Amino acid sequence: GICTLAKQCGHAGAIEWNGDVFSCDHFVFPQYHLGNIHQNTLLELMY
């Protein structure tokens, strides 16, 4: 029930106030910015 002890991660992202989506809550750094839901859907970004 916790991602840290799972074999893989990447299914759990974070969305900021403006719609920016990042790879993970603990990877909210510019290099892990996936895009914005105003330009691409969450499905497109997370997959």
ModelCIF file with pLDDT and N, C-alpha, C, O atoms, coordinates in Angstrom:
data_MODEL
#
_entry.id   MODEL 
#
_entity.id                         1 
_entity.type                       polymer 
_entity.pdbx_number_of_molecules   1 
#
_entity_poly.entity_id                      1 
_entity_poly.type                           'polypeptide(L)' 
_entity_poly.nstd_linkage                   no 
_entity_poly.nstd_monomer                   no 
_entity_poly.pdbx_seq_one_letter_code       GICTLAKQCGHAGAIEWNGDVFSCDHFVFPQYHLGNIHQNTLLELMY 
_entity_poly.pdbx_seq_one_letter_code_can   GICTLAKQCGHAGAIEWNGDVFSCDHFVFPQYHLGNIHQNTLLELMY 
_entity_poly.pdbx_strand_id                 A 
#
loop_
_entity_poly_seq.entity_id 
_entity_poly_seq.num 
_entity_poly_seq.mon_id 
_entity_poly_seq.hetero 
1 1  GLY n 
1 2  ILE n 
1 3  CYS n 
1 4  THR n 
1 5  LEU n 
1 6  ALA n 
1 7  LYS n 
1 8  GLN n 
1 9  CYS n 
1 10 GLY n 
1 11 HIS n 
1 12 ALA n 
1 13 GLY n 
1 14 ALA n 
1 15 ILE n 
1 16 GLU n 
1 17 TRP n 
1 18 ASN n 
1 19 GLY n 
1 20 ASP n 
1 21 VAL n 
1 22 PHE n 
1 23 SER n 
1 24 CYS n 
1 25 ASP n 
1 26 HIS n 
1 27 PHE n 
1 28 VAL n 
1 29 PHE n 
1 30 PRO n 
1 31 GLN n 
1 32 TYR n 
1 33 HIS n 
1 34 LEU n 
1 35 GLY n 
1 36 ASN n 
1 37 ILE n 
1 38 HIS n 
1 39 GLN n 
1 40 ASN n 
1 41 THR n 
1 42 LEU n 
1 43 LEU n 
1 44 GLU n 
1 45 LEU n 
1 46 MET n 
1 47 TYR n 
#
_struct_asym.id          A 
_struct_asym.entity_id   1 
#
loop_
_ma_qa_metric.id 
_ma_qa_metric.mode 
_ma_qa_metric.name 
_ma_qa_metric.software_group_id 
_ma_qa_metric.type 
1 global pLDDT . pLDDT 
2 local  pLDDT . pLDDT 
#
_ma_qa_metric_global.metric_id      1 
_ma_qa_metric_global.metric_value   94.62 
_ma_qa_metric_global.model_id       1 
_ma_qa_metric_global.ordinal_id     1 
#
loop_
_ma_qa_metric_local.label_asym_id 
_ma_qa_metric_local.label_comp_id 
_ma_qa_metric_local.label_seq_id 
_ma_qa_metric_local.metric_id 
_ma_qa_metric_local.metric_value 
_ma_qa_metric_local.model_id 
_ma_qa_metric_local.ordinal_id 
A GLY 1  2 85.00 1 1  
A ILE 2  2 90.00 1 2  
A CYS 3  2 90.00 1 3  
A THR 4  2 93.00 1 4  
A LEU 5  2 94.00 1 5  
A ALA 6  2 93.00 1 6  
A LYS 7  2 93.00 1 7  
A GLN 8  2 92.00 1 8  
A CYS 9  2 91.00 1 9  
A GLY 10 2 91.00 1 10 
A HIS 11 2 90.00 1 11 
A ALA 12 2 93.00 1 12 
A GLY 13 2 96.00 1 13 
A ALA 14 2 97.00 1 14 
A ILE 15 2 97.00 1 15 
A GLU 16 2 97.00 1 16 
A TRP 17 2 96.00 1 17 
A ASN 18 2 96.00 1 18 
A GLY 19 2 97.00 1 19 
A ASP 20 2 97.00 1 20 
A VAL 21 2 98.00 1 21 
A PHE 22 2 97.00 1 22 
A SER 23 2 97.00 1 23 
A CYS 24 2 95.00 1 24 
A ASP 25 2 94.00 1 25 
A HIS 26 2 92.00 1 26 
A PHE 27 2 93.00 1 27 
A VAL 28 2 93.00 1 28 
A PHE 29 2 91.00 1 29 
A PRO 30 2 91.00 1 30 
A GLN 31 2 93.00 1 31 
A TYR 32 2 95.00 1 32 
A HIS 33 2 97.00 1 33 
A LEU 34 2 98.00 1 34 
A GLY 35 2 98.00 1 35 
A ASN 36 2 98.00 1 36 
A ILE 37 2 98.00 1 37 
A HIS 38 2 98.00 1 38 
A GLN 39 2 98.00 1 39 
A ASN 40 2 97.00 1 40 
A THR 41 2 96.00 1 41 
A LEU 42 2 96.00 1 42 
A LEU 43 2 94.00 1 43 
A GLU 44 2 96.00 1 44 
A LEU 45 2 96.00 1 45 
A MET 46 2 96.00 1 46 
A TYR 47 2 94.00 1 47 
#
loop_
_atom_site.group_PDB 
_atom_site.id 
_atom_site.type_symbol 
_atom_site.label_atom_id 
_atom_site.label_alt_id 
_atom_site.label_comp_id 
_atom_site.label_asym_id 
_atom_site.label_entity_id 
_atom_site.label_seq_id 
_atom_site.pdbx_PDB_ins_code 
_atom_site.Cartn_x 
_atom_site.Cartn_y 
_atom_site.Cartn_z 
_atom_site.occupancy 
_atom_site.B_iso_or_equiv 
_atom_site.pdbx_formal_charge 
_atom_site.auth_seq_id 
_atom_site.auth_comp_id 
_atom_site.auth_asym_id 
_atom_site.auth_atom_id 
_atom_site.pdbx_PDB_model_num 
ATOM 1   N N  . GLY A 1 1  ? 0.799  -1.225 0.000   1.00 85.00 ? 1  GLY A N  1 
ATOM 2   C CA . GLY A 1 1  ? 0.000  0.000  0.000   1.00 85.00 ? 1  GLY A CA 1 
ATOM 3   C C  . GLY A 1 1  ? 0.823  1.262  0.000   1.00 85.00 ? 1  GLY A C  1 
ATOM 4   O O  . GLY A 1 1  ? 0.307  2.343  0.284   1.00 85.00 ? 1  GLY A O  1 
ATOM 5   N N  . ILE A 1 2  ? 2.097  1.141  -0.315  1.00 90.00 ? 2  ILE A N  1 
ATOM 6   C CA . ILE A 1 2  ? 2.977  2.312  -0.318  1.00 90.00 ? 2  ILE A CA 1 
ATOM 7   C C  . ILE A 1 2  ? 3.918  2.204  -1.513  1.00 90.00 ? 2  ILE A C  1 
ATOM 8   O O  . ILE A 1 2  ? 4.527  1.158  -1.737  1.00 90.00 ? 2  ILE A O  1 
ATOM 9   N N  . CYS A 1 3  ? 4.034  3.274  -2.270  1.00 90.00 ? 3  CYS A N  1 
ATOM 10  C CA . CYS A 1 3  ? 4.794  3.216  -3.522  1.00 90.00 ? 3  CYS A CA 1 
ATOM 11  C C  . CYS A 1 3  ? 6.283  2.993  -3.302  1.00 90.00 ? 3  CYS A C  1 
ATOM 12  O O  . CYS A 1 3  ? 6.950  2.411  -4.157  1.00 90.00 ? 3  CYS A O  1 
ATOM 13  N N  . THR A 1 4  ? 6.818  3.447  -2.166  1.00 93.00 ? 4  THR A N  1 
ATOM 14  C CA . THR A 1 4  ? 8.253  3.320  -1.938  1.00 93.00 ? 4  THR A CA 1 
ATOM 15  C C  . THR A 1 4  ? 8.719  1.866  -1.907  1.00 93.00 ? 4  THR A C  1 
ATOM 16  O O  . THR A 1 4  ? 9.858  1.571  -2.268  1.00 93.00 ? 4  THR A O  1 
ATOM 17  N N  . LEU A 1 5  ? 7.845  0.961  -1.477  1.00 94.00 ? 5  LEU A N  1 
ATOM 18  C CA . LEU A 1 5  ? 8.219  -0.447 -1.373  1.00 94.00 ? 5  LEU A CA 1 
ATOM 19  C C  . LEU A 1 5  ? 7.705  -1.285 -2.545  1.00 94.00 ? 5  LEU A C  1 
ATOM 20  O O  . LEU A 1 5  ? 7.796  -2.512 -2.514  1.00 94.00 ? 5  LEU A O  1 
ATOM 21  N N  . ALA A 1 6  ? 7.171  -0.638 -3.567  1.00 93.00 ? 6  ALA A N  1 
ATOM 22  C CA . ALA A 1 6  ? 6.694  -1.343 -4.752  1.00 93.00 ? 6  ALA A CA 1 
ATOM 23  C C  . ALA A 1 6  ? 7.833  -1.530 -5.749  1.00 93.00 ? 6  ALA A C  1 
ATOM 24  O O  . ALA A 1 6  ? 8.830  -0.809 -5.711  1.00 93.00 ? 6  ALA A O  1 
ATOM 25  N N  . LYS A 1 7  ? 7.673  -2.512 -6.645  1.00 93.00 ? 7  LYS A N  1 
ATOM 26  C CA . LYS A 1 7  ? 8.714  -2.796 -7.633  1.00 93.00 ? 7  LYS A CA 1 
ATOM 27  C C  . LYS A 1 7  ? 8.879  -1.651 -8.619  1.00 93.00 ? 7  LYS A C  1 
ATOM 28  O O  . LYS A 1 7  ? 9.998  -1.302 -8.995  1.00 93.00 ? 7  LYS A O  1 
ATOM 29  N N  . GLN A 1 8  ? 7.776  -1.075 -9.030  1.00 92.00 ? 8  GLN A N  1 
ATOM 30  C CA . GLN A 1 8  ? 7.804  0.048  -9.966  1.00 92.00 ? 8  GLN A CA 1 
ATOM 31  C C  . GLN A 1 8  ? 7.030  1.215  -9.391  1.00 92.00 ? 8  GLN A C  1 
ATOM 32  O O  . GLN A 1 8  ? 6.183  1.041  -8.515  1.00 92.00 ? 8  GLN A O  1 
ATOM 33  N N  . CYS A 1 9  ? 7.322  2.399  -9.886  1.00 91.00 ? 9  CYS A N  1 
ATOM 34  C CA . CYS A 1 9  ? 6.536  3.572  -9.520  1.00 91.00 ? 9  CYS A CA 1 
ATOM 35  C C  . CYS A 1 9  ? 6.130  4.269  -10.813 1.00 91.00 ? 9  CYS A C  1 
ATOM 36  O O  . CYS A 1 9  ? 6.170  3.665  -11.884 1.00 91.00 ? 9  CYS A O  1 
ATOM 37  N N  . GLY A 1 10 ? 5.744  5.522  -10.718 1.00 91.00 ? 10 GLY A N  1 
ATOM 38  C CA . GLY A 1 10 ? 5.390  6.262  -11.922 1.00 91.00 ? 10 GLY A CA 1 
ATOM 39  C C  . GLY A 1 10 ? 3.905  6.385  -12.158 1.00 91.00 ? 10 GLY A C  1 
ATOM 40  O O  . GLY A 1 10 ? 3.474  7.163  -13.009 1.00 91.00 ? 10 GLY A O  1 
ATOM 41  N N  . HIS A 1 11 ? 3.096  5.614  -11.402 1.00 90.00 ? 11 HIS A N  1 
ATOM 42  C CA . HIS A 1 11 ? 1.644  5.723  -11.574 1.00 90.00 ? 11 HIS A CA 1 
ATOM 43  C C  . HIS A 1 11 ? 1.084  6.885  -10.763 1.00 90.00 ? 11 HIS A C  1 
ATOM 44  O O  . HIS A 1 11 ? -0.058 7.294  -10.975 1.00 90.00 ? 11 HIS A O  1 
ATOM 45  N N  . ALA A 1 12 ? 1.884  7.425  -9.828  1.00 93.00 ? 12 ALA A N  1 
ATOM 46  C CA . ALA A 1 12 ? 1.400  8.452  -8.905  1.00 93.00 ? 12 ALA A CA 1 
ATOM 47  C C  . ALA A 1 12 ? 2.125  9.766  -9.151  1.00 93.00 ? 12 ALA A C  1 
ATOM 48  O O  . ALA A 1 12 ? 3.289  9.920  -8.779  1.00 93.00 ? 12 ALA A O  1 
ATOM 49  N N  . GLY A 1 13 ? 1.440  10.703 -9.774  1.00 96.00 ? 13 GLY A N  1 
ATOM 50  C CA . GLY A 1 13 ? 2.032  11.999 -10.071 1.00 96.00 ? 13 GLY A CA 1 
ATOM 51  C C  . GLY A 1 13 ? 1.518  13.081 -9.144  1.00 96.00 ? 13 GLY A C  1 
ATOM 52  O O  . GLY A 1 13 ? 0.795  12.810 -8.186  1.00 96.00 ? 13 GLY A O  1 
ATOM 53  N N  . ALA A 1 14 ? 1.899  14.301 -9.442  1.00 97.00 ? 14 ALA A N  1 
ATOM 54  C CA . ALA A 1 14 ? 1.440  15.460 -8.677  1.00 97.00 ? 14 ALA A CA 1 
ATOM 55  C C  . ALA A 1 14 ? 1.022  16.547 -9.652  1.00 97.00 ? 14 ALA A C  1 
ATOM 56  O O  . ALA A 1 14 ? 1.664  16.754 -10.681 1.00 97.00 ? 14 ALA A O  1 
ATOM 57  N N  . ILE A 1 15 ? -0.068 17.245 -9.315  1.00 97.00 ? 15 ILE A N  1 
ATOM 58  C CA . ILE A 1 15 ? -0.516 18.357 -10.146 1.00 97.00 ? 15 ILE A CA 1 
ATOM 59  C C  . ILE A 1 15 ? -0.492 19.629 -9.323  1.00 97.00 ? 15 ILE A C  1 
ATOM 60  O O  . ILE A 1 15 ? -1.070 19.696 -8.237  1.00 97.00 ? 15 ILE A O  1 
ATOM 61  N N  . GLU A 1 16 ? 0.172  20.622 -9.844  1.00 97.00 ? 16 GLU A N  1 
ATOM 62  C CA . GLU A 1 16 ? 0.266  21.908 -9.172  1.00 97.00 ? 16 GLU A CA 1 
ATOM 63  C C  . GLU A 1 16 ? -0.969 22.764 -9.458  1.00 97.00 ? 16 GLU A C  1 
ATOM 64  O O  . GLU A 1 16 ? -1.822 22.412 -10.273 1.00 97.00 ? 16 GLU A O  1 
ATOM 65  N N  . TRP A 1 17 ? -1.033 23.884 -8.767  1.00 96.00 ? 17 TRP A N  1 
ATOM 66  C CA . TRP A 1 17 ? -2.194 24.771 -8.806  1.00 96.00 ? 17 TRP A CA 1 
ATOM 67  C C  . TRP A 1 17 ? -2.564 25.244 -10.210 1.00 96.00 ? 17 TRP A C  1 
ATOM 68  O O  . TRP A 1 17 ? -3.730 25.527 -10.481 1.00 96.00 ? 17 TRP A O  1 
ATOM 69  N N  . ASN A 1 18 ? -1.569 25.331 -11.111 1.00 96.00 ? 18 ASN A N  1 
ATOM 70  C CA . ASN A 1 18 ? -1.809 25.868 -12.457 1.00 96.00 ? 18 ASN A CA 1 
ATOM 71  C C  . ASN A 1 18 ? -2.005 24.786 -13.509 1.00 96.00 ? 18 ASN A C  1 
ATOM 72  O O  . ASN A 1 18 ? -2.126 25.085 -14.697 1.00 96.00 ? 18 ASN A O  1 
ATOM 73  N N  . GLY A 1 19 ? -2.037 23.520 -13.071 1.00 97.00 ? 19 GLY A N  1 
ATOM 74  C CA . GLY A 1 19 ? -2.212 22.420 -14.015 1.00 97.00 ? 19 GLY A CA 1 
ATOM 75  C C  . GLY A 1 19 ? -0.931 21.737 -14.432 1.00 97.00 ? 19 GLY A C  1 
ATOM 76  O O  . GLY A 1 19 ? -0.971 20.780 -15.205 1.00 97.00 ? 19 GLY A O  1 
ATOM 77  N N  . ASP A 1 20 ? 0.217  22.206 -13.938 1.00 97.00 ? 20 ASP A N  1 
ATOM 78  C CA . ASP A 1 20 ? 1.487  21.531 -14.213 1.00 97.00 ? 20 ASP A CA 1 
ATOM 79  C C  . ASP A 1 20 ? 1.494  20.158 -13.553 1.00 97.00 ? 20 ASP A C  1 
ATOM 80  O O  . ASP A 1 20 ? 1.094  20.008 -12.398 1.00 97.00 ? 20 ASP A O  1 
ATOM 81  N N  . VAL A 1 21 ? 1.954  19.157 -14.301 1.00 98.00 ? 21 VAL A N  1 
ATOM 82  C CA . VAL A 1 21 ? 2.014  17.793 -13.793 1.00 98.00 ? 21 VAL A CA 1 
ATOM 83  C C  . VAL A 1 21 ? 3.469  17.357 -13.683 1.00 98.00 ? 21 VAL A C  1 
ATOM 84  O O  . VAL A 1 21 ? 4.261  17.561 -14.604 1.00 98.00 ? 21 VAL A O  1 
ATOM 85  N N  . PHE A 1 22 ? 3.813  16.753 -12.544 1.00 97.00 ? 22 PHE A N  1 
ATOM 86  C CA . PHE A 1 22 ? 5.168  16.273 -12.283 1.00 97.00 ? 22 PHE A CA 1 
ATOM 87  C C  . PHE A 1 22 ? 5.140  14.767 -12.054 1.00 97.00 ? 22 PHE A C  1 
ATOM 88  O O  . PHE A 1 22 ? 4.109  14.193 -11.706 1.00 97.00 ? 22 PHE A O  1 
ATOM 89  N N  . SER A 1 23 ? 6.286  14.150 -12.257 1.00 97.00 ? 23 SER A N  1 
ATOM 90  C CA . SER A 1 23 ? 6.387  12.682 -12.174 1.00 97.00 ? 23 SER A CA 1 
ATOM 91  C C  . SER A 1 23 ? 5.975  12.119 -10.830 1.00 97.00 ? 23 SER A C  1 
ATOM 92  O O  . SER A 1 23 ? 5.448  11.010 -10.753 1.00 97.00 ? 23 SER A O  1 
ATOM 93  N N  . CYS A 1 24 ? 6.212  12.880 -9.762  1.00 95.00 ? 24 CYS A N  1 
ATOM 94  C CA . CYS A 1 24 ? 5.935  12.391 -8.406  1.00 95.00 ? 24 CYS A CA 1 
ATOM 95  C C  . CYS A 1 24 ? 5.955  13.587 -7.472  1.00 95.00 ? 24 CYS A C  1 
ATOM 96  O O  . CYS A 1 24 ? 6.583  14.604 -7.768  1.00 95.00 ? 24 CYS A O  1 
ATOM 97  N N  . ASP A 1 25 ? 5.268  13.466 -6.348  1.00 94.00 ? 25 ASP A N  1 
ATOM 98  C CA . ASP A 1 25 ? 5.238  14.530 -5.351  1.00 94.00 ? 25 ASP A CA 1 
ATOM 99  C C  . ASP A 1 25 ? 6.636  14.857 -4.828  1.00 94.00 ? 25 ASP A C  1 
ATOM 100 O O  . ASP A 1 25 ? 6.911  16.001 -4.464  1.00 94.00 ? 25 ASP A O  1 
ATOM 101 N N  . HIS A 1 26 ? 7.519  13.857 -4.789  1.00 92.00 ? 26 HIS A N  1 
ATOM 102 C CA . HIS A 1 26 ? 8.888  14.081 -4.310  1.00 92.00 ? 26 HIS A CA 1 
ATOM 103 C C  . HIS A 1 26 ? 9.857  14.391 -5.449  1.00 92.00 ? 26 HIS A C  1 
ATOM 104 O O  . HIS A 1 26 ? 11.066 14.478 -5.238  1.00 92.00 ? 26 HIS A O  1 
ATOM 105 N N  . PHE A 1 27 ? 9.323  14.554 -6.641  1.00 93.00 ? 27 PHE A N  1 
ATOM 106 C CA . PHE A 1 27 ? 10.143 14.910 -7.798  1.00 93.00 ? 27 PHE A CA 1 
ATOM 107 C C  . PHE A 1 27 ? 9.589  16.161 -8.473  1.00 93.00 ? 27 PHE A C  1 
ATOM 108 O O  . PHE A 1 27 ? 9.587  16.265 -9.700  1.00 93.00 ? 27 PHE A O  1 
ATOM 109 N N  . VAL A 1 28 ? 9.121  17.104 -7.668  1.00 93.00 ? 28 VAL A N  1 
ATOM 110 C CA . VAL A 1 28 ? 8.650  18.373 -8.222  1.00 93.00 ? 28 VAL A CA 1 
ATOM 111 C C  . VAL A 1 28 ? 9.870  19.278 -8.409  1.00 93.00 ? 28 VAL A C  1 
ATOM 112 O O  . VAL A 1 28 ? 10.108 20.221 -7.653  1.00 93.00 ? 28 VAL A O  1 
ATOM 113 N N  . PHE A 1 29 ? 10.618 18.947 -9.438  1.00 91.00 ? 29 PHE A N  1 
ATOM 114 C CA . PHE A 1 29 ? 11.780 19.704 -9.890  1.00 91.00 ? 29 PHE A CA 1 
ATOM 115 C C  . PHE A 1 29 ? 11.586 19.953 -11.387 1.00 91.00 ? 29 PHE A C  1 
ATOM 116 O O  . PHE A 1 29 ? 10.884 19.189 -12.049 1.00 91.00 ? 29 PHE A O  1 
ATOM 117 N N  . PRO A 1 30 ? 12.195 21.007 -11.927 1.00 91.00 ? 30 PRO A N  1 
ATOM 118 C CA . PRO A 1 30 ? 11.996 21.316 -13.358 1.00 91.00 ? 30 PRO A CA 1 
ATOM 119 C C  . PRO A 1 30 ? 12.267 20.134 -14.276 1.00 91.00 ? 30 PRO A C  1 
ATOM 120 O O  . PRO A 1 30 ? 11.580 19.963 -15.283 1.00 91.00 ? 30 PRO A O  1 
ATOM 121 N N  . GLN A 1 31 ? 13.268 19.309 -13.938 1.00 93.00 ? 31 GLN A N  1 
ATOM 122 C CA . GLN A 1 31 ? 13.631 18.205 -14.824 1.00 93.00 ? 31 GLN A CA 1 
ATOM 123 C C  . GLN A 1 31 ? 12.610 17.068 -14.823 1.00 93.00 ? 31 GLN A C  1 
ATOM 124 O O  . GLN A 1 31 ? 12.709 16.152 -15.639 1.00 93.00 ? 31 GLN A O  1 
ATOM 125 N N  . TYR A 1 32 ? 11.626 17.116 -13.915 1.00 95.00 ? 32 TYR A N  1 
ATOM 126 C CA . TYR A 1 32 ? 10.589 16.079 -13.874 1.00 95.00 ? 32 TYR A CA 1 
ATOM 127 C C  . TYR A 1 32 ? 9.204  16.644 -14.197 1.00 95.00 ? 32 TYR A C  1 
ATOM 128 O O  . TYR A 1 32 ? 8.186  16.037 -13.864 1.00 95.00 ? 32 TYR A O  1 
ATOM 129 N N  . HIS A 1 33 ? 9.176  17.804 -14.845 1.00 97.00 ? 33 HIS A N  1 
ATOM 130 C CA . HIS A 1 33 ? 7.922  18.419 -15.275 1.00 97.00 ? 33 HIS A CA 1 
ATOM 131 C C  . HIS A 1 33 ? 7.456  17.736 -16.555 1.00 97.00 ? 33 HIS A C  1 
ATOM 132 O O  . HIS A 1 33 ? 8.165  17.747 -17.561 1.00 97.00 ? 33 HIS A O  1 
ATOM 133 N N  . LEU A 1 34 ? 6.262  17.141 -16.518 1.00 98.00 ? 34 LEU A N  1 
ATOM 134 C CA . LEU A 1 34 ? 5.759  16.382 -17.659 1.00 98.00 ? 34 LEU A CA 1 
ATOM 135 C C  . LEU A 1 34 ? 4.977  17.223 -18.650 1.00 98.00 ? 34 LEU A C  1 
ATOM 136 O O  . LEU A 1 34 ? 4.913  16.896 -19.835 1.00 98.00 ? 34 LEU A O  1 
ATOM 137 N N  . GLY A 1 35 ? 4.383  18.308 -18.167 1.00 98.00 ? 35 GLY A N  1 
ATOM 138 C CA . GLY A 1 35 ? 3.553  19.141 -19.032 1.00 98.00 ? 35 GLY A CA 1 
ATOM 139 C C  . GLY A 1 35 ? 2.414  19.734 -18.229 1.00 98.00 ? 35 GLY A C  1 
ATOM 140 O O  . GLY A 1 35 ? 2.460  19.760 -16.999 1.00 98.00 ? 35 GLY A O  1 
ATOM 141 N N  . ASN A 1 36 ? 1.395  20.212 -18.921 1.00 98.00 ? 36 ASN A N  1 
ATOM 142 C CA . ASN A 1 36 ? 0.282  20.902 -18.277 1.00 98.00 ? 36 ASN A CA 1 
ATOM 143 C C  . ASN A 1 36 ? -1.032 20.384 -18.861 1.00 98.00 ? 36 ASN A C  1 
ATOM 144 O O  . ASN A 1 36 ? -1.137 20.153 -20.066 1.00 98.00 ? 36 ASN A O  1 
ATOM 145 N N  . ILE A 1 37 ? -2.031 20.203 -17.998 1.00 98.00 ? 37 ILE A N  1 
ATOM 146 C CA . ILE A 1 37 ? -3.296 19.631 -18.455 1.00 98.00 ? 37 ILE A CA 1 
ATOM 147 C C  . ILE A 1 37 ? -4.070 20.559 -19.385 1.00 98.00 ? 37 ILE A C  1 
ATOM 148 O O  . ILE A 1 37 ? -5.032 20.134 -20.024 1.00 98.00 ? 37 ILE A O  1 
ATOM 149 N N  . HIS A 1 38 ? -3.660 21.812 -19.465 1.00 98.00 ? 38 HIS A N  1 
ATOM 150 C CA . HIS A 1 38 ? -4.305 22.723 -20.418 1.00 98.00 ? 38 HIS A CA 1 
ATOM 151 C C  . HIS A 1 38 ? -3.790 22.493 -21.841 1.00 98.00 ? 38 HIS A C  1 
ATOM 152 O O  . HIS A 1 38 ? -4.392 22.956 -22.810 1.00 98.00 ? 38 HIS A O  1 
ATOM 153 N N  . GLN A 1 39 ? -2.677 21.777 -21.955 1.00 98.00 ? 39 GLN A N  1 
ATOM 154 C CA . GLN A 1 39 ? -2.129 21.451 -23.280 1.00 98.00 ? 39 GLN A CA 1 
ATOM 155 C C  . GLN A 1 39 ? -2.247 19.967 -23.614 1.00 98.00 ? 39 GLN A C  1 
ATOM 156 O O  . GLN A 1 39 ? -2.460 19.602 -24.770 1.00 98.00 ? 39 GLN A O  1 
ATOM 157 N N  . ASN A 1 40 ? -2.108 19.112 -22.600 1.00 97.00 ? 40 ASN A N  1 
ATOM 158 C CA . ASN A 1 40 ? -2.209 17.662 -22.793 1.00 97.00 ? 40 ASN A CA 1 
ATOM 159 C C  . ASN A 1 40 ? -3.043 17.077 -21.664 1.00 97.00 ? 40 ASN A C  1 
ATOM 160 O O  . ASN A 1 40 ? -3.064 17.623 -20.561 1.00 97.00 ? 40 ASN A O  1 
ATOM 161 N N  . THR A 1 41 ? -3.726 15.982 -21.926 1.00 96.00 ? 41 THR A N  1 
ATOM 162 C CA . THR A 1 41 ? -4.546 15.379 -20.881 1.00 96.00 ? 41 THR A CA 1 
ATOM 163 C C  . THR A 1 41 ? -3.670 14.670 -19.853 1.00 96.00 ? 41 THR A C  1 
ATOM 164 O O  . THR A 1 41 ? -2.515 14.334 -20.115 1.00 96.00 ? 41 THR A O  1 
ATOM 165 N N  . LEU A 1 42 ? -4.249 14.456 -18.683 1.00 96.00 ? 42 LEU A N  1 
ATOM 166 C CA . LEU A 1 42 ? -3.551 13.698 -17.646 1.00 96.00 ? 42 LEU A CA 1 
ATOM 167 C C  . LEU A 1 42 ? -3.157 12.316 -18.155 1.00 96.00 ? 42 LEU A C  1 
ATOM 168 O O  . LEU A 1 42 ? -2.065 11.824 -17.872 1.00 96.00 ? 42 LEU A O  1 
ATOM 169 N N  . LEU A 1 43 ? -4.055 11.705 -18.903 1.00 94.00 ? 43 LEU A N  1 
ATOM 170 C CA . LEU A 1 43 ? -3.778 10.376 -19.447 1.00 94.00 ? 43 LEU A CA 1 
ATOM 171 C C  . LEU A 1 43 ? -2.556 10.403 -20.352 1.00 94.00 ? 43 LEU A C  1 
ATOM 172 O O  . LEU A 1 43 ? -1.694 9.529  -20.263 1.00 94.00 ? 43 LEU A O  1 
ATOM 173 N N  . GLU A 1 44 ? -2.481 11.402 -21.220 1.00 96.00 ? 44 GLU A N  1 
ATOM 174 C CA . GLU A 1 44 ? -1.338 11.521 -22.123 1.00 96.00 ? 44 GLU A CA 1 
ATOM 175 C C  . GLU A 1 44 ? -0.045 11.748 -21.350 1.00 96.00 ? 44 GLU A C  1 
ATOM 176 O O  . GLU A 1 44 ? 0.990  11.172 -21.682 1.00 96.00 ? 44 GLU A O  1 
ATOM 177 N N  . LEU A 1 45 ? -0.105 12.586 -20.321 1.00 96.00 ? 45 LEU A N  1 
ATOM 178 C CA . LEU A 1 45 ? 1.102  12.919 -19.566 1.00 96.00 ? 45 LEU A CA 1 
ATOM 179 C C  . LEU A 1 45 ? 1.573  11.746 -18.707 1.00 96.00 ? 45 LEU A C  1 
ATOM 180 O O  . LEU A 1 45 ? 2.763  11.435 -18.679 1.00 96.00 ? 45 LEU A O  1 
ATOM 181 N N  . MET A 1 46 ? 0.643  11.098 -18.011 1.00 96.00 ? 46 MET A N  1 
ATOM 182 C CA . MET A 1 46 ? 1.022  10.033 -17.081 1.00 96.00 ? 46 MET A CA 1 
ATOM 183 C C  . MET A 1 46 ? 1.350  8.722  -17.789 1.00 96.00 ? 46 MET A C  1 
ATOM 184 O O  . MET A 1 46 ? 1.980  7.841  -17.203 1.00 96.00 ? 46 MET A O  1 
ATOM 185 N N  . TYR A 1 47 ? 0.927  8.588  -19.042 1.00 94.00 ? 47 TYR A N  1 
ATOM 186 C CA . TYR A 1 47 ? 1.290  7.399  -19.816 1.00 94.00 ? 47 TYR A CA 1 
ATOM 187 C C  . TYR A 1 47 ? 2.241  7.742  -20.964 1.00 94.00 ? 47 TYR A C  1 
ATOM 188 O O  . TYR A 1 47 ? 2.646  6.856  -21.715 1.00 94.00 ? 47 TYR A O  1 
#
